[in-house]
Amino acid sequence: MVLLQKQEDRLVLKLQNTQLVPGRNEINKKQSPLLWLNNVLARNDATDKKAFFVVNTSKSGPQIYKLLATSAEEQKS
């Protein structure tokens, strides 16, 4: 799975910085926008019919993403 971000009128592949211990020594970790499908779980959001969660369960550490579709029908497909 590839997670792209929209910047202006382009889609970009971008690493995300995550602070591991807030307020302590600024320990940062880069998260890849490439997710292996054998490590990914998808779950519906119970409070928003257009949203769903993608959970990455890789050995480098768990990550959770909330993704929004333009409609409830698109979220199902």
PDB file of N, CA and C in Angstrom:
ATOM      1  N   MET A   1       0.850  -1.148   0.000  1.00  0.00           N
ATOM      2  CA  MET A   1       0.000   0.000   0.000  1.00  0.00           C
ATOM      3  C   MET A   1       0.909   1.227   0.000  1.00  0.00           C
ATOM      4  N   VAL A   2       0.564   2.198  -0.808  1.00  0.00           N
ATOM      5  CA  VAL A   2       1.338   3.432  -0.912  1.00  0.00           C
ATOM      6  C   VAL A   2       0.466   4.585  -0.421  1.00  0.00           C
ATOM      7  N   LEU A   3       0.967   5.345   0.536  1.00  0.00           N
ATOM      8  CA  LEU A   3       0.246   6.501   1.067  1.00  0.00           C
ATOM      9  C   LEU A   3       0.828   7.766   0.450  1.00  0.00           C
ATOM     10  N   LEU A   4       0.026   8.433  -0.362  1.00  0.00           N
ATOM     11  CA  LEU A   4       0.449   9.667  -1.013  1.00  0.00           C
ATOM     12  C   LEU A   4      -0.231  10.846  -0.336  1.00  0.00           C
ATOM     13  N   GLN A   5       0.437  11.998  -0.366  1.00  0.00           N
ATOM     14  CA  GLN A   5      -0.134  13.220   0.184  1.00  0.00           C
ATOM     15  C   GLN A   5      -0.318  14.216  -0.943  1.00  0.00           C
ATOM     16  N   LYS A   6      -1.389  14.980  -0.854  1.00  0.00           N
ATOM     17  CA  LYS A   6      -1.650  15.990  -1.874  1.00  0.00           C
ATOM     18  C   LYS A   6      -1.027  17.308  -1.439  1.00  0.00           C
ATOM     19  N   GLN A   7      -0.151  17.841  -2.277  1.00  0.00           N
ATOM     20  CA  GLN A   7       0.449  19.156  -2.050  1.00  0.00           C
ATOM     21  C   GLN A   7       0.200  19.980  -3.295  1.00  0.00           C
ATOM     22  N   GLU A   8      -0.539  21.061  -3.114  1.00  0.00           N
ATOM     23  CA  GLU A   8      -0.974  21.897  -4.230  1.00  0.00           C
ATOM     24  C   GLU A   8      -1.735  21.016  -5.215  1.00  0.00           C
ATOM     25  N   ASP A   9      -1.270  20.846  -6.428  1.00  0.00           N
ATOM     26  CA  ASP A   9      -1.970  20.017  -7.415  1.00  0.00           C
ATOM     27  C   ASP A   9      -1.230  18.722  -7.698  1.00  0.00           C
ATOM     28  N   ARG A  10      -0.330  18.321  -6.812  1.00  0.00           N
ATOM     29  CA  ARG A  10       0.470  17.112  -7.052  1.00  0.00           C
ATOM     30  C   ARG A  10       0.302  16.126  -5.909  1.00  0.00           C
ATOM     31  N   LEU A  11       0.524  14.862  -6.214  1.00  0.00           N
ATOM     32  CA  LEU A  11       0.584  13.822  -5.194  1.00  0.00           C
ATOM     33  C   LEU A  11       2.050  13.507  -4.943  1.00  0.00           C
ATOM     34  N   VAL A  12       2.456  13.496  -3.676  1.00  0.00           N
ATOM     35  CA  VAL A  12       3.860  13.269  -3.339  1.00  0.00           C
ATOM     36  C   VAL A  12       3.994  12.097  -2.372  1.00  0.00           C
ATOM     37  N   LEU A  13       5.098  11.405  -2.499  1.00  0.00           N
ATOM     38  CA  LEU A  13       5.470  10.315  -1.602  1.00  0.00           C
ATOM     39  C   LEU A  13       6.389  10.923  -0.553  1.00  0.00           C
ATOM     40  N   LYS A  14       5.966  10.927   0.708  1.00  0.00           N
ATOM     41  CA  LYS A  14       6.683  11.693   1.720  1.00  0.00           C
ATOM     42  C   LYS A  14       6.864  10.876   2.998  1.00  0.00           C
ATOM     43  N   LEU A  15       8.075  10.882   3.551  1.00  0.00           N
ATOM     44  CA  LEU A  15       8.331  10.264   4.855  1.00  0.00           C
ATOM     45  C   LEU A  15       7.743  11.144   5.951  1.00  0.00           C
ATOM     46  N   GLN A  16       7.224  10.516   6.991  1.00  0.00           N
ATOM     47  CA  GLN A  16       6.658  11.248   8.120  1.00  0.00           C
ATOM     48  C   GLN A  16       7.601  11.159   9.311  1.00  0.00           C
ATOM     49  N   ASN A  17       7.797  12.274  10.006  1.00  0.00           N
ATOM     50  CA  ASN A  17       8.581  12.281  11.240  1.00  0.00           C
ATOM     51  C   ASN A  17       7.645  12.086  12.424  1.00  0.00           C
ATOM     52  N   THR A  18       8.046  11.238  13.354  1.00  0.00           N
ATOM     53  CA  THR A  18       7.267  10.988  14.560  1.00  0.00           C
ATOM     54  C   THR A  18       8.171  11.175  15.762  1.00  0.00           C
ATOM     55  N   GLN A  19       7.694  11.925  16.736  1.00  0.00           N
ATOM     56  CA  GLN A  19       8.455  12.116  17.967  1.00  0.00           C
ATOM     57  C   GLN A  19       8.106  10.977  18.916  1.00  0.00           C
ATOM     58  N   LEU A  20       9.094  10.154  19.279  1.00  0.00           N
ATOM     59  CA  LEU A  20       8.850   8.970  20.098  1.00  0.00           C
ATOM     60  C   LEU A  20       8.558   9.301  21.549  1.00  0.00           C
ATOM     61  N   VAL A  21       9.315  10.216  22.127  1.00  0.00           N
ATOM     62  CA  VAL A  21       9.126  10.582  23.527  1.00  0.00           C
ATOM     63  C   VAL A  21       8.924  12.096  23.574  1.00  0.00           C
ATOM     64  N   PRO A  22       7.675  12.558  23.623  1.00  0.00           N
ATOM     65  CA  PRO A  22       7.438  14.001  23.622  1.00  0.00           C
ATOM     66  C   PRO A  22       8.130  14.703  24.784  1.00  0.00           C
ATOM     67  N   GLY A  23       8.830  15.787  24.478  1.00  0.00           N
ATOM     68  CA  GLY A  23       9.470  16.586  25.506  1.00  0.00           C
ATOM     69  C   GLY A  23      10.807  16.075  25.996  1.00  0.00           C
ATOM     70  N   ARG A  24      11.268  14.946  25.482  1.00  0.00           N
ATOM     71  CA  ARG A  24      12.545  14.396  25.947  1.00  0.00           C
ATOM     72  C   ARG A  24      13.485  14.186  24.777  1.00  0.00           C
ATOM     73  N   ASN A  25      14.525  14.923  24.736  1.00  0.00           N
ATOM     74  CA  ASN A  25      15.635  14.750  23.801  1.00  0.00           C
ATOM     75  C   ASN A  25      15.223  14.662  22.333  1.00  0.00           C
ATOM     76  N   GLU A  26      14.004  15.024  22.022  1.00  0.00           N
ATOM     77  CA  GLU A  26      13.575  15.083  20.622  1.00  0.00           C
ATOM     78  C   GLU A  26      13.956  13.833  19.829  1.00  0.00           C
ATOM     79  N   ILE A  27      13.615  12.658  20.308  1.00  0.00           N
ATOM     80  CA  ILE A  27      13.912  11.414  19.595  1.00  0.00           C
ATOM     81  C   ILE A  27      12.897  11.265  18.466  1.00  0.00           C
ATOM     82  N   ASN A  28      13.354  11.361  17.220  1.00  0.00           N
ATOM     83  CA  ASN A  28      12.470  11.293  16.070  1.00  0.00           C
ATOM     84  C   ASN A  28      12.672  10.000  15.301  1.00  0.00           C
ATOM     85  N   LYS A  29      11.604   9.529  14.695  1.00  0.00           N
ATOM     86  CA  LYS A  29      11.645   8.336  13.867  1.00  0.00           C
ATOM     87  C   LYS A  29      10.924   8.649  12.563  1.00  0.00           C
ATOM     88  N   LYS A  30      11.495   8.219  11.457  1.00  0.00           N
ATOM     89  CA  LYS A  30      10.846   8.424  10.166  1.00  0.00           C
ATOM     90  C   LYS A  30       9.972   7.222   9.852  1.00  0.00           C
ATOM     91  N   GLN A  31       8.749   7.497   9.396  1.00  0.00           N
ATOM     92  CA  GLN A  31       7.827   6.437   9.015  1.00  0.00           C
ATOM     93  C   GLN A  31       7.674   6.436   7.504  1.00  0.00           C
ATOM     94  N   SER A  32       7.781   5.266   6.935  1.00  0.00           N
ATOM     95  CA  SER A  32       7.693   5.117   5.489  1.00  0.00           C
ATOM     96  C   SER A  32       6.242   5.174   5.026  1.00  0.00           C
ATOM     97  N   PRO A  33       5.981   5.770   3.862  1.00  0.00           N
ATOM     98  CA  PRO A  33       4.628   5.765   3.299  1.00  0.00           C
ATOM     99  C   PRO A  33       4.315   4.478   2.540  1.00  0.00           C
ATOM    100  N   LEU A  34       5.237   3.517   2.564  1.00  0.00           N
ATOM    101  CA  LEU A  34       5.032   2.226   1.909  1.00  0.00           C
ATOM    102  C   LEU A  34       4.700   1.188   2.971  1.00  0.00           C
ATOM    103  N   LEU A  35       3.545   0.555   2.852  1.00  0.00           N
ATOM    104  CA  LEU A  35       3.094  -0.434   3.828  1.00  0.00           C
ATOM    105  C   LEU A  35       2.935  -1.782   3.140  1.00  0.00           C
ATOM    106  N   TRP A  36       3.481  -2.827   3.744  1.00  0.00           N
ATOM    107  CA  TRP A  36       3.331  -4.183   3.214  1.00  0.00           C
ATOM    108  C   TRP A  36       1.940  -4.688   3.561  1.00  0.00           C
ATOM    109  N   LEU A  37       1.241  -5.250   2.599  1.00  0.00           N
ATOM    110  CA  LEU A  37      -0.141  -5.679   2.816  1.00  0.00           C
ATOM    111  C   LEU A  37      -0.271  -6.801   3.837  1.00  0.00           C
ATOM    112  N   ASN A  38       0.773  -7.620   3.998  1.00  0.00           N
ATOM    113  CA  ASN A  38       0.681  -8.693   4.998  1.00  0.00           C
ATOM    114  C   ASN A  38       0.780  -8.151   6.426  1.00  0.00           C
ATOM    115  N   ASN A  39       1.112  -6.865   6.599  1.00  0.00           N
ATOM    116  CA  ASN A  39       1.183  -6.236   7.924  1.00  0.00           C
ATOM    117  C   ASN A  39       0.038  -5.258   8.170  1.00  0.00           C
ATOM    118  N   VAL A  40      -0.939  -5.195   7.261  1.00  0.00           N
ATOM    119  CA  VAL A  40      -1.963  -4.148   7.323  1.00  0.00           C
ATOM    120  C   VAL A  40      -3.333  -4.732   7.665  1.00  0.00           C
ATOM    121  N   LEU A  41      -4.040  -4.037   8.564  1.00  0.00           N
ATOM    122  CA  LEU A  41      -5.433  -4.346   8.890  1.00  0.00           C
ATOM    123  C   LEU A  41      -6.271  -3.125   8.545  1.00  0.00           C
ATOM    124  N   ALA A  42      -7.481  -3.327   8.043  1.00  0.00           N
ATOM    125  CA  ALA A  42      -8.401  -2.224   7.755  1.00  0.00           C
ATOM    126  C   ALA A  42      -9.657  -2.407   8.592  1.00  0.00           C
ATOM    127  N   ARG A  43     -10.113  -1.322   9.205  1.00  0.00           N
ATOM    128  CA  ARG A  43     -11.307  -1.356  10.052  1.00  0.00           C
ATOM    129  C   ARG A  43     -12.151  -0.113   9.777  1.00  0.00           C
ATOM    130  N   ASN A  44     -13.471  -0.289   9.785  1.00  0.00           N
ATOM    131  CA  ASN A  44     -14.385   0.837   9.605  1.00  0.00           C
ATOM    132  C   ASN A  44     -14.383   1.717  10.847  1.00  0.00           C
ATOM    133  N   ASP A  45     -14.657   2.999  10.637  1.00  0.00           N
ATOM    134  CA  ASP A  45     -14.825   3.943  11.738  1.00  0.00           C
ATOM    135  C   ASP A  45     -16.305   3.933  12.126  1.00  0.00           C
ATOM    136  N   ALA A  46     -16.611   3.625  13.357  1.00  0.00           N
ATOM    137  CA  ALA A  46     -18.000   3.510  13.801  1.00  0.00           C
ATOM    138  C   ALA A  46     -18.717   4.853  13.860  1.00  0.00           C
ATOM    139  N   THR A  47     -17.982   5.951  13.934  1.00  0.00           N
ATOM    140  CA  THR A  47     -18.611   7.265  14.078  1.00  0.00           C
ATOM    141  C   THR A  47     -18.712   8.041  12.778  1.00  0.00           C
ATOM    142  N   ASP A  48     -18.052   7.588  11.718  1.00  0.00           N
ATOM    143  CA  ASP A  48     -18.063   8.306  10.441  1.00  0.00           C
ATOM    144  C   ASP A  48     -18.163   7.285   9.313  1.00  0.00           C
ATOM    145  N   LYS A  49     -19.259   7.301   8.574  1.00  0.00           N
ATOM    146  CA  LYS A  49     -19.498   6.310   7.515  1.00  0.00           C
ATOM    147  C   LYS A  49     -18.547   6.468   6.331  1.00  0.00           C
ATOM    148  N   LYS A  50     -17.886   7.626   6.208  1.00  0.00           N
ATOM    149  CA  LYS A  50     -16.950   7.853   5.105  1.00  0.00           C
ATOM    150  C   LYS A  50     -15.509   7.534   5.484  1.00  0.00           C
ATOM    151  N   ALA A  51     -15.260   7.194   6.747  1.00  0.00           N
ATOM    152  CA  ALA A  51     -13.888   7.011   7.226  1.00  0.00           C
ATOM    153  C   ALA A  51     -13.600   5.550   7.546  1.00  0.00           C
ATOM    154  N   PHE A  52     -12.302   5.222   7.500  1.00  0.00           N
ATOM    155  CA  PHE A  52     -11.849   3.907   7.941  1.00  0.00           C
ATOM    156  C   PHE A  52     -10.426   4.038   8.454  1.00  0.00           C
ATOM    157  N   PHE A  53      -9.997   3.055   9.218  1.00  0.00           N
ATOM    158  CA  PHE A  53      -8.663   3.042   9.789  1.00  0.00           C
ATOM    159  C   PHE A  53      -7.815   1.991   9.094  1.00  0.00           C
ATOM    160  N   VAL A  54      -6.552   2.311   8.884  1.00  0.00           N
ATOM    161  CA  VAL A  54      -5.560   1.354   8.404  1.00  0.00           C
ATOM    162  C   VAL A  54      -4.532   1.218   9.517  1.00  0.00           C
ATOM    163  N   VAL A  55      -4.328  -0.007   9.983  1.00  0.00           N
ATOM    164  CA  VAL A  55      -3.388  -0.274  11.072  1.00  0.00           C
ATOM    165  C   VAL A  55      -2.223  -1.067  10.510  1.00  0.00           C
ATOM    166  N   ASN A  56      -1.023  -0.532  10.649  1.00  0.00           N
ATOM    167  CA  ASN A  56       0.194  -1.211  10.216  1.00  0.00           C
ATOM    168  C   ASN A  56       0.800  -1.891  11.440  1.00  0.00           C
ATOM    169  N   THR A  57       0.962  -3.205  11.365  1.00  0.00           N
ATOM    170  CA  THR A  57       1.462  -3.979  12.508  1.00  0.00           C
ATOM    171  C   THR A  57       2.880  -4.485  12.272  1.00  0.00           C
ATOM    172  N   SER A  58       3.718  -3.673  11.658  1.00  0.00           N
ATOM    173  CA  SER A  58       5.077  -4.106  11.330  1.00  0.00           C
ATOM    174  C   SER A  58       5.946  -4.212  12.582  1.00  0.00           C
ATOM    175  N   LYS A  59       7.068  -4.900  12.453  1.00  0.00           N
ATOM    176  CA  LYS A  59       7.993  -5.088  13.574  1.00  0.00           C
ATOM    177  C   LYS A  59       8.667  -3.790  13.997  1.00  0.00           C
ATOM    178  N   SER A  60       8.721  -2.806  13.098  1.00  0.00           N
ATOM    179  CA  SER A  60       9.354  -1.533  13.438  1.00  0.00           C
ATOM    180  C   SER A  60       8.469  -0.669  14.328  1.00  0.00           C
ATOM    181  N   GLY A  61       7.259  -1.114  14.595  1.00  0.00           N
ATOM    182  CA  GLY A  61       6.356  -0.380  15.475  1.00  0.00           C
ATOM    183  C   GLY A  61       5.005  -0.170  14.827  1.00  0.00           C
ATOM    184  N   PRO A  62       3.941  -0.229  15.613  1.00  0.00           N
ATOM    185  CA  PRO A  62       2.600  -0.073  15.053  1.00  0.00           C
ATOM    186  C   PRO A  62       2.332   1.368  14.629  1.00  0.00           C
ATOM    187  N   GLN A  63       1.504   1.502  13.618  1.00  0.00           N
ATOM    188  CA  GLN A  63       1.084   2.814  13.128  1.00  0.00           C
ATOM    189  C   GLN A  63      -0.391   2.712  12.793  1.00  0.00           C
ATOM    190  N   ILE A  64      -1.137   3.788  13.020  1.00  0.00           N
ATOM    191  CA  ILE A  64      -2.546   3.809  12.656  1.00  0.00           C
ATOM    192  C   ILE A  64      -2.815   5.073  11.846  1.00  0.00           C
ATOM    193  N   TYR A  65      -3.581   4.899  10.785  1.00  0.00           N
ATOM    194  CA  TYR A  65      -3.932   6.000   9.898  1.00  0.00           C
ATOM    195  C   TYR A  65      -5.443   6.059   9.793  1.00  0.00           C
ATOM    196  N   LYS A  66      -6.015   7.240   9.841  1.00  0.00           N
ATOM    197  CA  LYS A  66      -7.447   7.421   9.589  1.00  0.00           C
ATOM    198  C   LYS A  66      -7.572   8.035   8.206  1.00  0.00           C
ATOM    199  N   LEU A  67      -8.292   7.349   7.336  1.00  0.00           N
ATOM    200  CA  LEU A  67      -8.457   7.793   5.957  1.00  0.00           C
ATOM    201  C   LEU A  67      -9.919   8.121   5.707  1.00  0.00           C
ATOM    202  N   LEU A  68     -10.170   9.161   4.896  1.00  0.00           N
ATOM    203  CA  LEU A  68     -11.521   9.600   4.579  1.00  0.00           C
ATOM    204  C   LEU A  68     -11.792   9.444   3.094  1.00  0.00           C
ATOM    205  N   ALA A  69     -12.944   8.884   2.763  1.00  0.00           N
ATOM    206  CA  ALA A  69     -13.399   8.791   1.380  1.00  0.00           C
ATOM    207  C   ALA A  69     -14.329   9.974   1.106  1.00  0.00           C
ATOM    208  N   THR A  70     -14.627  10.212  -0.160  1.00  0.00           N
ATOM    209  CA  THR A  70     -15.517  11.328  -0.494  1.00  0.00           C
ATOM    210  C   THR A  70     -16.980  10.993  -0.226  1.00  0.00           C
ATOM    211  N   SER A  71     -17.309   9.697  -0.164  1.00  0.00           N
ATOM    212  CA  SER A  71     -18.683   9.280   0.121  1.00  0.00           C
ATOM    213  C   SER A  71     -18.661   7.931   0.837  1.00  0.00           C
ATOM    214  N   ALA A  72     -19.796   7.570   1.438  1.00  0.00           N
ATOM    215  CA  ALA A  72     -19.898   6.276   2.116  1.00  0.00           C
ATOM    216  C   ALA A  72     -19.811   5.131   1.113  1.00  0.00           C
ATOM    217  N   GLU A  73     -20.320   5.333  -0.102  1.00  0.00           N
ATOM    218  CA  GLU A  73     -20.246   4.302  -1.140  1.00  0.00           C
ATOM    219  C   GLU A  73     -18.803   4.063  -1.567  1.00  0.00           C
ATOM    220  N   GLU A  74     -18.037   5.135  -1.694  1.00  0.00           N
ATOM    221  CA  GLU A  74     -16.629   4.990  -2.069  1.00  0.00           C
ATOM    222  C   GLU A  74     -15.839   4.289  -0.962  1.00  0.00           C
ATOM    223  N   GLN A  75     -16.177   4.531   0.282  1.00  0.00           N
ATOM    224  CA  GLN A  75     -15.486   3.896   1.406  1.00  0.00           C
ATOM    225  C   GLN A  75     -15.673   2.387   1.373  1.00  0.00           C
ATOM    226  N   LYS A  76     -16.820   1.922   0.904  1.00  0.00           N
ATOM    227  CA  LYS A  76     -17.105   0.488   0.853  1.00  0.00           C
ATOM    228  C   LYS A  76     -16.353  -0.215  -0.267  1.00  0.00           C
ATOM    229  N   SER A  77     -15.953   0.528  -1.294  1.00  0.00           N
ATOM    230  CA  SER A  77     -15.298  -0.122  -2.446  1.00  0.00           C
ATOM    231  C   SER A  77     -13.796  -0.134  -2.346  1.00  0.00           C
TER     232      SER A  77
END
